[in-house]
C-alpha atoms as a PDB file:
ATOM      1  CA  MET A   1     -15.676  -5.566 -38.366  1.00  0.00           C
ATOM      2  CA  SER A   2     -14.488  -2.105 -37.280  1.00  0.00           C
ATOM      3  CA  LYS A   3     -11.419  -0.641 -38.937  1.00  0.00           C
ATOM      4  CA  GLN A   4      -8.341  -0.526 -36.749  1.00  0.00           C
ATOM      5  CA  GLN A   5      -7.183   3.004 -36.021  1.00  0.00           C
ATOM      6  CA  PRO A   6      -3.511   3.967 -36.182  1.00  0.00           C
ATOM      7  CA  GLU A   7      -1.640   4.480 -32.930  1.00  0.00           C
ATOM      8  CA  LEU A   8      -1.520   8.000 -31.560  1.00  0.00           C
ATOM      9  CA  SER A   9       1.807   8.586 -29.816  1.00  0.00           C
ATOM     10  CA  TRP A  10       3.585  11.665 -28.494  1.00  0.00           C
ATOM     11  CA  GLU A  11       6.333  12.749 -26.110  1.00  0.00           C
ATOM     12  CA  ILE A  12       6.031  15.703 -23.788  1.00  0.00           C
ATOM     13  CA  ASN A  13       8.004  17.508 -21.092  1.00  0.00           C
ATOM     14  CA  PHE A  14       5.208  18.303 -18.686  1.00  0.00           C
ATOM     15  CA  PRO A  15       5.606  20.666 -15.707  1.00  0.00           C
ATOM     16  CA  LEU A  16       5.850  19.351 -12.150  1.00  0.00           C
ATOM     17  CA  ILE A  17       5.784  21.838  -9.291  1.00  0.00           C
ATOM     18  CA  THR A  18       3.771  24.382 -11.295  1.00  0.00           C
ATOM     19  CA  ASN A  19       1.241  21.711 -12.221  1.00  0.00           C
ATOM     20  CA  THR A  20      -1.625  21.647  -9.709  1.00  0.00           C
ATOM     21  CA  LEU A  21      -2.521  18.051 -10.628  1.00  0.00           C
ATOM     22  CA  VAL A  22       1.033  16.823  -9.964  1.00  0.00           C
ATOM     23  CA  VAL A  23       1.334  18.715  -6.679  1.00  0.00           C
ATOM     24  CA  ALA A  24      -2.085  17.486  -5.532  1.00  0.00           C
ATOM     25  CA  ALA A  25      -1.132  13.880  -6.337  1.00  0.00           C
ATOM     26  CA  TRP A  26       2.146  14.259  -4.429  1.00  0.00           C
ATOM     27  CA  LEU A  27       0.431  15.713  -1.362  1.00  0.00           C
ATOM     28  CA  LYS A  28      -2.190  12.934  -1.437  1.00  0.00           C
ATOM     29  CA  ALA A  29       0.613  10.361  -1.524  1.00  0.00           C
ATOM     30  CA  MET A  30       2.273  11.995   1.477  1.00  0.00           C
ATOM     31  CA  GLY A  31      -1.048  12.082   3.321  1.00  0.00           C
ATOM     32  CA  ALA A  32      -1.600   8.390   2.603  1.00  0.00           C
ATOM     33  CA  THR A  33       1.917   7.653   3.866  1.00  0.00           C
ATOM     34  CA  TYR A  34       1.154   9.404   7.139  1.00  0.00           C
ATOM     35  CA  LEU A  35      -2.165   7.591   7.585  1.00  0.00           C
ATOM     36  CA  VAL A  36      -0.629   4.167   6.944  1.00  0.00           C
ATOM     37  CA  ALA A  37       2.266   4.840   9.314  1.00  0.00           C
ATOM     38  CA  MET A  38      -0.049   6.074  12.069  1.00  0.00           C
ATOM     39  CA  LEU A  39      -2.353   3.091  11.525  1.00  0.00           C
ATOM     40  CA  ILE A  40       0.567   0.739  12.128  1.00  0.00           C
ATOM     41  CA  LEU A  41       2.046   2.717  15.033  1.00  0.00           C
ATOM     42  CA  GLY A  42      -1.371   3.253  16.596  1.00  0.00           C
ATOM     43  CA  THR A  43      -2.083  -0.475  16.485  1.00  0.00           C
ATOM     44  CA  VAL A  44       1.253  -1.237  18.163  1.00  0.00           C
ATOM     45  CA  PHE A  45       0.784   1.352  20.920  1.00  0.00           C
ATOM     46  CA  ILE A  46      -2.842   0.447  21.606  1.00  0.00           C
ATOM     47  CA  GLY A  47      -2.095  -3.276  21.533  1.00  0.00           C
ATOM     48  CA  THR A  48       0.711  -2.907  24.071  1.00  0.00           C
ATOM     49  CA  GLY A  49      -1.357  -0.543  26.229  1.00  0.00           C
ATOM     50  CA  ASP A  50       1.212   2.250  25.951  1.00  0.00           C
ATOM     51  CA  THR A  51      -0.723   5.104  24.369  1.00  0.00           C
ATOM     52  CA  ALA A  52       0.631   8.037  26.378  1.00  0.00           C
ATOM     53  CA  ASP A  53       3.355   8.911  23.859  1.00  0.00           C
ATOM     54  CA  LEU A  54       1.231   8.286  20.754  1.00  0.00           C
ATOM     55  CA  PRO A  55      -0.022  11.905  20.296  1.00  0.00           C
ATOM     56  CA  MET A  56       3.511  13.290  20.572  1.00  0.00           C
ATOM     57  CA  LEU A  57       4.829  10.647  18.169  1.00  0.00           C
ATOM     58  CA  GLY A  58       1.998  11.452  15.752  1.00  0.00           C
ATOM     59  CA  GLY A  59       2.982  15.115  15.807  1.00  0.00           C
ATOM     60  CA  ILE A  60       6.659  14.346  15.269  1.00  0.00           C
ATOM     61  CA  PHE A  61       5.890  12.018  12.381  1.00  0.00           C
ATOM     62  CA  ALA A  62       3.595  14.661  10.848  1.00  0.00           C
ATOM     63  CA  LEU A  63       6.535  17.079  10.820  1.00  0.00           C
ATOM     64  CA  VAL A  64       8.709  14.389   9.226  1.00  0.00           C
ATOM     65  CA  VAL A  65       6.156  13.761   6.475  1.00  0.00           C
ATOM     66  CA  ILE A  66       5.797  17.503   5.846  1.00  0.00           C
ATOM     67  CA  GLY A  67       9.582  17.719   5.560  1.00  0.00           C
ATOM     68  CA  VAL A  68       9.664  14.826   3.075  1.00  0.00           C
ATOM     69  CA  ALA A  69       6.875  16.485   1.063  1.00  0.00           C
ATOM     70  CA  VAL A  70       8.829  19.730   0.877  1.00  0.00           C
ATOM     71  CA  VAL A  71      12.033  17.893  -0.092  1.00  0.00           C
ATOM     72  CA  GLY A  72      10.099  16.117  -2.845  1.00  0.00           C
ATOM     73  CA  LEU A  73       8.883  19.417  -4.237  1.00  0.00           C
ATOM     74  CA  LEU A  74      12.426  20.803  -4.124  1.00  0.00           C
ATOM     75  CA  ILE A  75      13.682  17.743  -6.025  1.00  0.00           C
ATOM     76  CA  MET A  76      11.027  18.359  -8.680  1.00  0.00           C
ATOM     77  CA  LEU A  77      12.233  21.946  -8.990  1.00  0.00           C
ATOM     78  CA  LEU A  78      16.006  21.665  -8.619  1.00  0.00           C
ATOM     79  CA  VAL A  79      16.887  18.156  -9.822  1.00  0.00           C
ATOM     80  CA  PHE A  80      14.279  17.782 -12.569  1.00  0.00           C
ATOM     81  CA  GLY A  81      14.122  21.460 -13.486  1.00  0.00           C
ATOM     82  CA  ASN A  82      10.322  21.428 -13.085  1.00  0.00           C
ATOM     83  CA  ARG A  83      10.024  19.144 -16.107  1.00  0.00           C
ATOM     84  CA  PHE A  84       9.504  15.430 -16.645  1.00  0.00           C
ATOM     85  CA  LYS A  85       9.708  13.701 -20.018  1.00  0.00           C
ATOM     86  CA  ALA A  86       7.143  11.007 -20.817  1.00  0.00           C
ATOM     87  CA  ARG A  87       5.763   9.158 -23.820  1.00  0.00           C
ATOM     88  CA  PHE A  88       2.064   8.343 -24.225  1.00  0.00           C
ATOM     89  CA  THR A  89       0.512   5.992 -26.764  1.00  0.00           C
ATOM     90  CA  LEU A  90      -3.159   5.427 -27.580  1.00  0.00           C
ATOM     91  CA  SER A  91      -4.095   2.335 -29.564  1.00  0.00           C
ATOM     92  CA  ASP A  92      -7.118   0.134 -30.136  1.00  0.00           C
ATOM     93  CA  LYS A  93      -5.861  -2.019 -27.270  1.00  0.00           C
ATOM     94  CA  GLY A  94      -5.426   0.660 -24.633  1.00  0.00           C
ATOM     95  CA  ILE A  95      -3.269   3.420 -23.188  1.00  0.00           C
ATOM     96  CA  ARG A  96       0.448   3.189 -22.550  1.00  0.00           C
ATOM     97  CA  TYR A  97       2.615   5.481 -20.442  1.00  0.00           C
ATOM     98  CA  GLU A  98       6.406   5.327 -20.545  1.00  0.00           C
ATOM     99  CA  GLY A  99       8.684   7.397 -18.372  1.00  0.00           C
ATOM    100  CA  VAL A 100      11.578   8.261 -20.674  1.00  0.00           C
ATOM    101  CA  ASP A 101      13.168  10.938 -18.492  1.00  0.00           C
ATOM    102  CA  THR A 102      16.845   9.941 -18.243  1.00  0.00           C
ATOM    103  CA  ARG A 103      17.312  11.656 -14.880  1.00  0.00           C
ATOM    104  CA  ALA A 104      14.448   9.739 -13.282  1.00  0.00           C
ATOM    105  CA  ARG A 105      15.583   6.422 -14.748  1.00  0.00           C
ATOM    106  CA  THR A 106      19.146   6.990 -13.558  1.00  0.00           C
ATOM    107  CA  LEU A 107      18.108   8.013 -10.045  1.00  0.00           C
ATOM    108  CA  ALA A 108      15.811   4.981  -9.719  1.00  0.00           C
ATOM    109  CA  ARG A 109      18.630   2.586 -10.585  1.00  0.00           C
ATOM    110  CA  ILE A 110      21.088   4.382  -8.315  1.00  0.00           C
ATOM    111  CA  ALA A 111      18.565   3.990  -5.469  1.00  0.00           C
ATOM    112  CA  VAL A 112      18.325   0.230  -6.098  1.00  0.00           C
ATOM    113  CA  VAL A 113      22.108  -0.218  -6.138  1.00  0.00           C
ATOM    114  CA  ALA A 114      22.714   2.104  -3.172  1.00  0.00           C
ATOM    115  CA  GLY A 115      20.003   0.369  -1.153  1.00  0.00           C
ATOM    116  CA  ALA A 116      21.511  -3.040  -1.891  1.00  0.00           C
ATOM    117  CA  ILE A 117      25.046  -1.912  -1.000  1.00  0.00           C
ATOM    118  CA  ALA A 118      23.959  -0.123   2.185  1.00  0.00           C
ATOM    119  CA  GLY A 119      21.585  -2.916   3.190  1.00  0.00           C
ATOM    120  CA  SER A 120      18.633  -0.516   3.145  1.00  0.00           C
ATOM    121  CA  PRO A 121      15.431  -2.290   1.990  1.00  0.00           C
ATOM    122  CA  ARG A 122      13.562   1.047   2.099  1.00  0.00           C
ATOM    123  CA  THR A 123      15.908   2.733  -0.391  1.00  0.00           C
ATOM    124  CA  ALA A 124      16.130  -0.288  -2.666  1.00  0.00           C
ATOM    125  CA  GLY A 125      12.375  -0.779  -2.502  1.00  0.00           C
ATOM    126  CA  ALA A 126      11.727   2.827  -3.464  1.00  0.00           C
ATOM    127  CA  GLY A 127      14.055   2.441  -6.421  1.00  0.00           C
ATOM    128  CA  LEU A 128      12.420  -0.814  -7.539  1.00  0.00           C
ATOM    129  CA  LEU A 129       8.989   0.794  -7.248  1.00  0.00           C
ATOM    130  CA  ALA A 130      10.140   3.676  -9.449  1.00  0.00           C
ATOM    131  CA  VAL A 131      11.547   1.229 -12.005  1.00  0.00           C
ATOM    132  CA  SER A 132       8.324  -0.797 -12.049  1.00  0.00           C
ATOM    133  CA  ASN A 133       6.307   2.371 -12.690  1.00  0.00           C
ATOM    134  CA  GLU A 134       8.391   3.447 -15.683  1.00  0.00           C
ATOM    135  CA  ARG A 135       5.755   1.828 -17.859  1.00  0.00           C
ATOM    136  CA  VAL A 136       2.009   1.604 -17.236  1.00  0.00           C
ATOM    137  CA  ASP A 137      -0.500  -0.100 -19.535  1.00  0.00           C
ATOM    138  CA  LEU A 138      -4.272   0.315 -19.279  1.00  0.00           C
ATOM    139  CA  VAL A 139      -6.527  -1.715 -21.574  1.00  0.00           C
ATOM    140  CA  TRP A 140      -9.937  -0.604 -22.820  1.00  0.00           C
ATOM    141  CA  SER A 141     -11.364  -3.942 -21.671  1.00  0.00           C
ATOM    142  CA  GLY A 142     -10.879  -2.725 -18.106  1.00  0.00           C
ATOM    143  CA  ALA A 143     -13.145  -0.432 -16.134  1.00  0.00           C
ATOM    144  CA  PHE A 144     -12.236   3.251 -15.840  1.00  0.00           C
ATOM    145  CA  GLU A 145     -13.392   6.699 -16.833  1.00  0.00           C
ATOM    146  CA  ALA A 146     -11.814   9.955 -17.970  1.00  0.00           C
ATOM    147  CA  ARG A 147     -11.971  13.445 -16.520  1.00  0.00           C
ATOM    148  CA  TYR A 148     -10.884  16.318 -18.701  1.00  0.00           C
ATOM    149  CA  HIS A 149      -8.886  19.389 -17.675  1.00  0.00           C
ATOM    150  CA  PRO A 150      -8.565  21.617 -20.751  1.00  0.00           C
ATOM    151  CA  LYS A 151      -6.683  24.396 -18.936  1.00  0.00           C
ATOM    152  CA  GLN A 152      -3.921  21.969 -17.975  1.00  0.00           C
ATOM    153  CA  ARG A 153      -4.382  20.038 -21.240  1.00  0.00           C
ATOM    154  CA  THR A 154      -4.582  16.896 -19.126  1.00  0.00           C
ATOM    155  CA  ILE A 155      -6.896  13.887 -19.151  1.00  0.00           C
ATOM    156  CA  VAL A 156      -7.152  12.047 -15.843  1.00  0.00           C
ATOM    157  CA  ILE A 157      -7.889   8.336 -16.121  1.00  0.00           C
ATOM    158  CA  ARG A 158      -9.412   7.030 -12.880  1.00  0.00           C
ATOM    159  CA  ASN A 159     -11.375   4.170 -11.452  1.00  0.00           C
ATOM    160  CA  GLN A 160     -14.005   4.364  -8.725  1.00  0.00           C
ATOM    161  CA  TRP A 161     -11.673   5.667  -6.046  1.00  0.00           C
ATOM    162  CA  ARG A 162      -8.322   6.897  -7.381  1.00  0.00           C
ATOM    163  CA  ASP A 163      -6.420   8.290 -10.342  1.00  0.00           C
ATOM    164  CA  LEU A 164      -4.740   5.593 -12.421  1.00  0.00           C
ATOM    165  CA  LEU A 165      -2.918   7.754 -14.949  1.00  0.00           C
ATOM    166  CA  HIS A 166      -2.609  11.355 -16.099  1.00  0.00           C
ATOM    167  CA  LEU A 167      -2.449  11.891 -19.860  1.00  0.00           C
ATOM    168  CA  TYR A 168      -0.455  15.104 -20.386  1.00  0.00           C
ATOM    169  CA  CYS A 169      -1.140  16.479 -23.843  1.00  0.00           C
ATOM    170  CA  THR A 170       0.366  19.194 -25.972  1.00  0.00           C
ATOM    171  CA  GLU A 171      -1.512  22.300 -27.003  1.00  0.00           C
ATOM    172  CA  GLN A 172      -1.768  20.883 -30.518  1.00  0.00           C
ATOM    173  CA  ASN A 173      -3.050  17.374 -29.769  1.00  0.00           C
ATOM    174  CA  TYR A 174      -5.261  17.782 -26.675  1.00  0.00           C
ATOM    175  CA  GLU A 175      -8.545  17.835 -28.603  1.00  0.00           C
ATOM    176  CA  GLN A 176      -7.485  14.922 -30.792  1.00  0.00           C
ATOM    177  CA  VAL A 177      -6.515  12.836 -27.763  1.00  0.00           C
ATOM    178  CA  LYS A 178      -9.740  13.775 -25.980  1.00  0.00           C
ATOM    179  CA  GLN A 179     -11.840  12.662 -28.932  1.00  0.00           C
ATOM    180  CA  ARG A 180      -9.964   9.353 -29.215  1.00  0.00           C
ATOM    181  CA  VAL A 181     -10.365   8.640 -25.481  1.00  0.00           C
ATOM    182  CA  GLU A 182     -14.075   9.493 -25.552  1.00  0.00           C
ATOM    183  CA  GLN A 183     -14.576   7.279 -28.601  1.00  0.00           C
ATOM    184  CA  MET A 184     -12.741   4.286 -27.141  1.00  0.00           C
ATOM    185  CA  LEU A 185     -14.410   4.548 -23.729  1.00  0.00           C
ATOM    186  CA  ALA A 186     -17.798   4.501 -25.422  1.00  0.00           C
ATOM    187  CA  SER A 187     -17.128   1.840 -28.076  1.00  0.00           C
ATOM    188  CA  LYS A 188     -15.352  -0.558 -25.698  1.00  0.00           C
ATOM    189  CA  GLY A 189     -17.807  -0.053 -22.836  1.00  0.00           C
ATOM    190  CA  THR A 190     -14.946   0.846 -20.487  1.00  0.00           C
ATOM    191  CA  ALA A 191     -16.733   3.620 -18.589  1.00  0.00           C
ATOM    192  CA  LYS A 192     -20.001   1.677 -18.534  1.00  0.00           C
ATOM    193  CA  ARG A 193     -18.311  -1.268 -16.796  1.00  0.00           C
ATOM    194  CA  LEU A 194     -17.045   1.098 -14.132  1.00  0.00           C
ATOM    195  CA  THR A 195     -20.543   2.275 -13.208  1.00  0.00           C
ATOM    196  CA  SER A 196     -22.045  -1.215 -13.356  1.00  0.00           C
ATOM    197  CA  LYS A 197     -20.230  -2.558 -10.311  1.00  0.00           C
ATOM    198  CA  PRO A 198     -19.788  -1.265  -6.748  1.00  0.00           C
ATOM    199  CA  SER A 199     -16.567   0.333  -5.563  1.00  0.00           C
ATOM    200  CA  PRO A 200     -14.117  -2.138  -3.982  1.00  0.00           C
ATOM    201  CA  LEU A 201     -12.876   0.526  -1.548  1.00  0.00           C
ATOM    202  CA  PRO A 202     -15.421  -0.076   1.281  1.00  0.00           C
ATOM    203  CA  ARG A 203     -14.610  -3.789   1.330  1.00  0.00           C
ATOM    204  CA  ALA A 204     -10.870  -3.082   1.359  1.00  0.00           C
ATOM    205  CA  LEU A 205     -11.296  -0.643   4.257  1.00  0.00           C
ATOM    206  CA  LEU A 206     -13.364  -3.234   6.136  1.00  0.00           C
ATOM    207  CA  ASN A 207     -10.655  -5.867   5.595  1.00  0.00           C
ATOM    208  CA  THR A 208      -8.069  -3.351   6.784  1.00  0.00           C
ATOM    209  CA  LEU A 209     -10.050  -2.717   9.971  1.00  0.00           C
ATOM    210  CA  LEU A 210     -10.507  -6.444  10.589  1.00  0.00           C
ATOM    211  CA  THR A 211      -6.776  -7.028  10.088  1.00  0.00           C
ATOM    212  CA  VAL A 212      -5.945  -4.329  12.623  1.00  0.00           C
ATOM    213  CA  LEU A 213      -8.483  -5.677  15.149  1.00  0.00           C
ATOM    214  CA  ALA A 214      -7.193  -9.227  14.666  1.00  0.00           C
ATOM    215  CA  THR A 215      -3.623  -8.070  15.317  1.00  0.00           C
ATOM    216  CA  LEU A 216      -4.333  -5.961  18.421  1.00  0.00           C
ATOM    217  CA  PRO A 217      -4.465  -8.851  20.948  1.00  0.00           C
ATOM    218  CA  LEU A 218      -1.240 -10.275  19.506  1.00  0.00           C
ATOM    219  CA  PHE A 219       0.636  -7.264  20.856  1.00  0.00           C
ATOM    220  CA  ALA A 220      -0.828  -7.938  24.296  1.00  0.00           C
ATOM    221  CA  LEU A 221       0.852 -11.371  24.203  1.00  0.00           C
ATOM    222  CA  VAL A 222       4.195  -9.576  24.440  1.00  0.00           C
ATOM    223  CA  GLU A 223       3.772  -9.210  28.209  1.00  0.00           C
ATOM    224  CA  ILE A 224       1.674 -12.315  28.859  1.00  0.00           C
ATOM    225  CA  VAL A 225       3.925 -14.909  27.187  1.00  0.00           C
ATOM    226  CA  GLY A 226       7.089 -12.885  26.459  1.00  0.00           C
ATOM    227  CA  LEU A 227       6.479 -12.702  22.724  1.00  0.00           C
ATOM    228  CA  ASP A 228       8.896 -10.563  20.719  1.00  0.00           C
ATOM    229  CA  LEU A 229       7.151  -7.311  19.716  1.00  0.00           C
ATOM    230  CA  PHE A 230       8.644  -7.570  16.234  1.00  0.00           C
ATOM    231  CA  VAL A 231       6.607 -10.700  15.381  1.00  0.00           C
ATOM    232  CA  PRO A 232       3.073  -9.223  15.625  1.00  0.00           C
ATOM    233  CA  LEU A 233       4.411  -6.054  13.983  1.00  0.00           C
ATOM    234  CA  LEU A 234       5.516  -8.101  10.962  1.00  0.00           C
ATOM    235  CA  ILE A 235       2.147  -9.861  10.864  1.00  0.00           C
ATOM    236  CA  LEU A 236       0.373  -6.492  10.887  1.00  0.00           C
ATOM    237  CA  VAL A 237       2.517  -5.024   8.097  1.00  0.00           C
ATOM    238  CA  PHE A 238       2.369  -8.073   5.834  1.00  0.00           C
ATOM    239  CA  GLY A 239      -1.301  -8.653   6.655  1.00  0.00           C
ATOM    240  CA  LEU A 240      -2.124  -5.147   5.440  1.00  0.00           C
ATOM    241  CA  ALA A 241       0.115  -5.688   2.402  1.00  0.00           C
ATOM    242  CA  THR A 242      -1.863  -8.848   1.609  1.00  0.00           C
ATOM    243  CA  VAL A 243      -5.077  -6.817   1.646  1.00  0.00           C
ATOM    244  CA  TRP A 244      -3.738  -4.022  -0.541  1.00  0.00           C
ATOM    245  CA  LEU A 245      -0.643  -5.085  -2.511  1.00  0.00           C
ATOM    246  CA  ILE A 246       0.497  -8.661  -3.171  1.00  0.00           C
ATOM    247  CA  PRO A 247      -1.233 -11.936  -2.202  1.00  0.00           C
ATOM    248  CA  LEU A 248       2.086 -13.786  -1.858  1.00  0.00           C
ATOM    249  CA  PHE A 249       2.768 -11.795   1.317  1.00  0.00           C
ATOM    250  CA  GLY A 250       0.379 -14.282   2.902  1.00  0.00           C
ATOM    251  CA  TRP A 251       3.281 -16.755   2.876  1.00  0.00           C
ATOM    252  CA  VAL A 252       5.018 -14.439   5.353  1.00  0.00           C
ATOM    253  CA  VAL A 253       1.985 -14.252   7.651  1.00  0.00           C
ATOM    254  CA  LEU A 254       1.394 -18.008   7.910  1.00  0.00           C
ATOM    255  CA  PRO A 255       4.788 -19.108   9.344  1.00  0.00           C
ATOM    256  CA  LEU A 256       4.792 -16.144  11.737  1.00  0.00           C
ATOM    257  CA  GLU A 257       1.433 -17.324  13.059  1.00  0.00           C
ATOM    258  CA  GLY A 258       2.859 -20.812  13.516  1.00  0.00           C
ATOM    259  CA  TYR A 259       5.724 -19.291  15.502  1.00  0.00           C
ATOM    260  CA  ILE A 260       3.304 -17.422  17.781  1.00  0.00           C
ATOM    261  CA  LEU A 261       1.252 -20.553  18.452  1.00  0.00           C
ATOM    262  CA  PHE A 262       4.439 -22.484  19.236  1.00  0.00           C
ATOM    263  CA  GLN A 263       5.610 -19.775  21.636  1.00  0.00           C
ATOM    264  CA  LEU A 264       2.175 -19.648  23.262  1.00  0.00           C
ATOM    265  CA  VAL A 265       2.114 -23.390  23.939  1.00  0.00           C
ATOM    266  CA  ILE A 266       5.687 -23.375  25.291  1.00  0.00           C
ATOM    267  CA  ALA A 267       4.937 -20.426  27.589  1.00  0.00           C
ATOM    268  CA  MET A 268       1.667 -21.888  28.883  1.00  0.00           C
ATOM    269  CA  PHE A 269       3.270 -25.164  29.963  1.00  0.00           C
ATOM    270  CA  GLU A 270       6.527 -23.766  31.254  1.00  0.00           C
ATOM    271  CA  VAL A 271       7.136 -24.939  34.816  1.00  0.00           C
ATOM    272  CA  SER A 272       8.058 -22.365  37.473  1.00  0.00           C
ATOM    273  CA  GLU A 273       8.933 -22.819  41.127  1.00  0.00           C
ATOM    274  CA  LEU A 274       7.924 -20.842  44.209  1.00  0.00           C
ATOM    275  CA  LYS A 275       9.768 -21.594  47.454  1.00  0.00           C
ATOM    276  CA  LEU A 276       8.060 -20.752  50.722  1.00  0.00           C
ATOM    277  CA  ILE A 277       7.847 -23.368  53.492  1.00  0.00           C
ATOM    278  CA  SER A 278       7.631 -25.912  50.737  1.00  0.00           C
ATOM    279  CA  THR A 279       8.495 -25.767  47.068  1.00  0.00           C
ATOM    280  CA  TYR A 280       5.541 -25.233  44.775  1.00  0.00           C
ATOM    281  CA  ARG A 281       5.669 -25.986  41.095  1.00  0.00           C
ATOM    282  CA  PHE A 282       3.137 -24.559  38.711  1.00  0.00           C
ATOM    283  CA  ARG A 283       2.610 -23.905  35.047  1.00  0.00           C
ATOM    284  CA  LYS A 284       1.963 -20.515  33.450  1.00  0.00           C
ATOM    285  CA  TYR A 285      -1.653 -21.246  32.513  1.00  0.00           C
ATOM    286  CA  GLU A 286      -2.498 -21.995  36.162  1.00  0.00           C
ATOM    287  CA  LEU A 287      -1.756 -18.383  37.159  1.00  0.00           C
ATOM    288  CA  LEU A 288      -3.588 -16.551  34.392  1.00  0.00           C
ATOM    289  CA  ASP A 289      -6.439 -14.299  35.438  1.00  0.00           C
ATOM    290  CA  ALA A 290      -9.725 -13.858  33.552  1.00  0.00           C
ATOM    291  CA  GLY A 291      -8.475 -10.814  31.626  1.00  0.00           C
ATOM    292  CA  GLU A 292      -5.410 -12.659  30.365  1.00  0.00           C
ATOM    293  CA  TRP A 293      -7.526 -15.624  29.259  1.00  0.00           C
ATOM    294  CA  ILE A 294      -9.764 -13.220  27.325  1.00  0.00           C
ATOM    295  CA  VAL A 295      -6.718 -11.709  25.606  1.00  0.00           C
ATOM    296  CA  ILE A 296      -5.392 -15.157  24.666  1.00  0.00           C
ATOM    297  CA  THR A 297      -8.812 -16.193  23.339  1.00  0.00           C
ATOM    298  CA  LEU A 298      -9.023 -13.019  21.229  1.00  0.00           C
ATOM    299  CA  ALA A 299      -5.464 -13.568  20.014  1.00  0.00           C
ATOM    300  CA  ILE A 300      -6.289 -17.110  18.858  1.00  0.00           C
ATOM    301  CA  ALA A 301      -9.443 -15.822  17.134  1.00  0.00           C
ATOM    302  CA  GLY A 302      -7.342 -13.142  15.433  1.00  0.00           C
ATOM    303  CA  LEU A 303      -4.784 -15.720  14.323  1.00  0.00           C
ATOM    304  CA  ILE A 304      -7.564 -17.819  12.803  1.00  0.00           C
ATOM    305  CA  TYR A 305      -8.921 -14.833  10.856  1.00  0.00           C
ATOM    306  CA  LEU A 306      -5.465 -13.743   9.671  1.00  0.00           C
ATOM    307  CA  GLY A 307      -4.515 -17.297   8.781  1.00  0.00           C
ATOM    308  CA  VAL A 308      -7.665 -17.933   6.762  1.00  0.00           C
ATOM    309  CA  THR A 309      -7.247 -14.601   4.953  1.00  0.00           C
ATOM    310  CA  ALA A 310      -3.570 -15.310   4.162  1.00  0.00           C
ATOM    311  CA  TRP A 311      -4.378 -18.853   2.987  1.00  0.00           C
ATOM    312  CA  ARG A 312      -7.139 -17.621   0.698  1.00  0.00           C
ATOM    313  CA  ALA A 313      -4.855 -14.876  -0.650  1.00  0.00           C
ATOM    314  CA  VAL A 314      -1.974 -17.193  -1.596  1.00  0.00           C
ATOM    315  CA  HIS A 315      -4.455 -19.525  -3.295  1.00  0.00           C
ATOM    316  CA  GLY A 316      -5.926 -16.711  -5.385  1.00  0.00           C
ATOM    317  CA  ARG A 317      -9.285 -16.527  -3.632  1.00  0.00           C
ATOM    318  CA  VAL A 318      -8.610 -13.020  -2.297  1.00  0.00           C
ATOM    319  CA  VAL A 319      -7.291 -10.433  -4.746  1.00  0.00           C
ATOM    320  CA  PRO A 320      -5.479  -7.431  -3.175  1.00  0.00           C
ATOM    321  CA  MET A 321      -7.008  -4.037  -3.777  1.00  0.00           C
ATOM    322  CA  LEU A 322      -4.381  -2.664  -6.149  1.00  0.00           C
ATOM    323  CA  MET A 323      -4.073  -5.901  -8.101  1.00  0.00           C
ATOM    324  CA  GLN A 324      -7.783  -5.764  -8.898  1.00  0.00           C
ATOM    325  CA  GLU A 325      -6.938  -2.830 -11.187  1.00  0.00           C
END
């Protein structure tokens, strides 16, 4: 039986805006934000057949994201003074990160309260996300590897497709931390497990594409049956969240699908009148052309795919991408 090693713990005020790893991570996050937003907006515009304004909107949103990125860097410099205080702990169980910076903790809680008072889910959500990330635990029984940056005295812990955690070390303990990480990765088989299985990213991207394709014809129902545009938009957002974030979002997708099917049936059998020499009564489905029937068929097929995916997710048969880690 191997002897248990003592915990190795330290606190550090690491640099922000002058740290290339921090800045790169921030810019990647902003780039991902832009891609997700354009994926959602692009699906809406293409699904409704109104793509003329999409390039201009993409340009405007790019400027907005650039502005947010710059504001974020200014906050790092002016509000946080280019420093962030964190505590790291290495043990035989794993790695722990704790954000102990009082400014960050205070701002996160102010955002939650302000968002709740102002009725802003975006602000409150951002604050809750910051609070949830104040502590991160990685266990050696998982699957990840380490990349070492001696100039920055930083060890990057990552899986097959993204950084999970940055270990910021002091000048005095970098080598000691590096040796402990190398030892634990080897003895626990952590890095070996990472290379023994395929990356989950291609499958997640495929599921993302299928979700978008399944949602596209739902937007076309807006004109055919008078469906509210907000309903397929919610299905798209929560469908993507089910793929990437939380399986319980499937419970949002399922009732929205039921609502669409109900609206579709009501619209198809709605009786209308046309008065010429005589009065003619007809139902919606009797006037549909071949193209509209194709759209409805694709919409039903999309609802089946989205429904099955949501049902499997809420029953634990589909694990979202980020929860797999």
